[in-house]
Amino acid sequence: MAKGKVEIRAESCKSCGYCVKFCPKNVLAIGDKVNSKGYQYVVAANPDDCIGCASCGVVCPDAAIEVYREV
């Protein structure tokens, strides 16, 4: 199975939760920390489960997520 790596730009995240909802492997979660804009940003809670599908990056309205596939 493909392996992926997800990177979240905390300062761009507005905690809408779309990425959390649409991740098929439950990799992402709303974190406890707050960015400079006052939003609890998303974190990779289960990074080892990422398959690199990039669904999270596609649905992110703020382009705060990048996904890399390991080959």
Protein backbone atom coordinates (compact mmCIF):
# COMPACT_ATOMS: atom_id res chain seq x y z
CA MET A 1 0.00 0.00 0.00
CA ALA A 2 1.20 3.53 -0.75
CA LYS A 3 2.67 5.60 2.03
CA GLY A 4 2.12 9.33 2.33
CA LYS A 5 3.27 12.29 4.33
CA VAL A 6 0.96 15.18 5.17
CA GLU A 7 2.18 18.67 6.08
CA ILE A 8 -0.13 21.31 7.54
CA ARG A 9 0.69 25.02 7.53
CA ALA A 10 -0.70 25.88 10.95
CA GLU A 11 -0.88 29.61 10.28
CA SER A 12 -3.11 29.08 7.24
CA CYS A 13 -5.53 26.68 8.93
CA LYS A 14 -8.91 28.01 10.08
CA SER A 15 -10.02 24.72 11.65
CA CYS A 16 -12.96 24.17 9.31
CA GLY A 17 -12.58 20.40 9.75
CA TYR A 18 -13.14 19.44 6.10
CA CYS A 19 -9.83 17.60 5.95
CA VAL A 20 -10.60 15.69 9.14
CA LYS A 21 -14.01 14.67 7.79
CA PHE A 22 -12.80 13.55 4.36
CA CYS A 23 -9.63 11.67 5.35
CA PRO A 24 -10.38 7.98 4.69
CA LYS A 25 -7.76 6.82 7.21
CA ASN A 26 -8.49 9.24 10.10
CA VAL A 27 -4.99 10.69 9.94
CA LEU A 28 -5.98 14.24 10.87
CA ALA A 29 -7.55 15.80 13.95
CA ILE A 30 -8.20 19.27 15.35
CA GLY A 31 -5.24 19.96 17.62
CA ASP A 32 -5.07 21.60 21.04
CA LYS A 33 -2.73 24.45 20.10
CA VAL A 34 -3.87 27.78 18.66
CA ASN A 35 -2.31 29.71 15.77
CA SER A 36 -1.74 33.48 15.74
CA LYS A 37 -5.25 34.01 14.32
CA GLY A 38 -6.87 32.21 17.25
CA TYR A 39 -7.77 28.98 15.47
CA GLN A 40 -7.06 25.50 16.79
CA TYR A 41 -5.25 24.14 13.77
CA VAL A 42 -5.33 20.62 12.36
CA VAL A 43 -2.54 18.18 13.14
CA ALA A 44 -1.54 14.77 11.83
CA ALA A 45 -2.72 12.68 14.77
CA ASN A 46 -1.97 9.35 13.04
CA PRO A 47 0.71 10.20 10.45
CA ASP A 48 1.76 6.58 9.91
CA ASP A 49 -1.71 5.78 8.56
CA CYS A 50 -1.47 8.29 5.68
CA ILE A 51 -1.78 6.65 2.24
CA GLY A 52 -1.04 9.82 0.26
CA CYS A 53 -4.49 10.10 -1.34
CA ALA A 54 -4.43 13.93 -0.95
CA SER A 55 -8.17 14.15 -0.23
CA CYS A 56 -7.38 16.50 2.64
CA GLY A 57 -5.42 18.86 0.42
CA VAL A 58 -8.13 18.90 -2.24
CA VAL A 59 -10.94 19.85 0.17
CA CYS A 60 -8.91 22.45 2.14
CA PRO A 61 -10.35 25.88 1.25
CA ASP A 62 -7.23 27.65 2.49
CA ALA A 63 -4.63 25.46 0.73
CA ALA A 64 -3.03 24.80 4.12
CA ILE A 65 -2.21 21.15 3.40
CA GLU A 66 0.39 19.49 1.21
CA VAL A 67 0.61 15.74 0.73
CA TYR A 68 3.66 13.85 -0.46
CA ARG A 69 3.72 10.24 -1.64
CA GLU A 70 6.66 8.05 -0.85
CA VAL A 71 7.66 5.81 -3.73
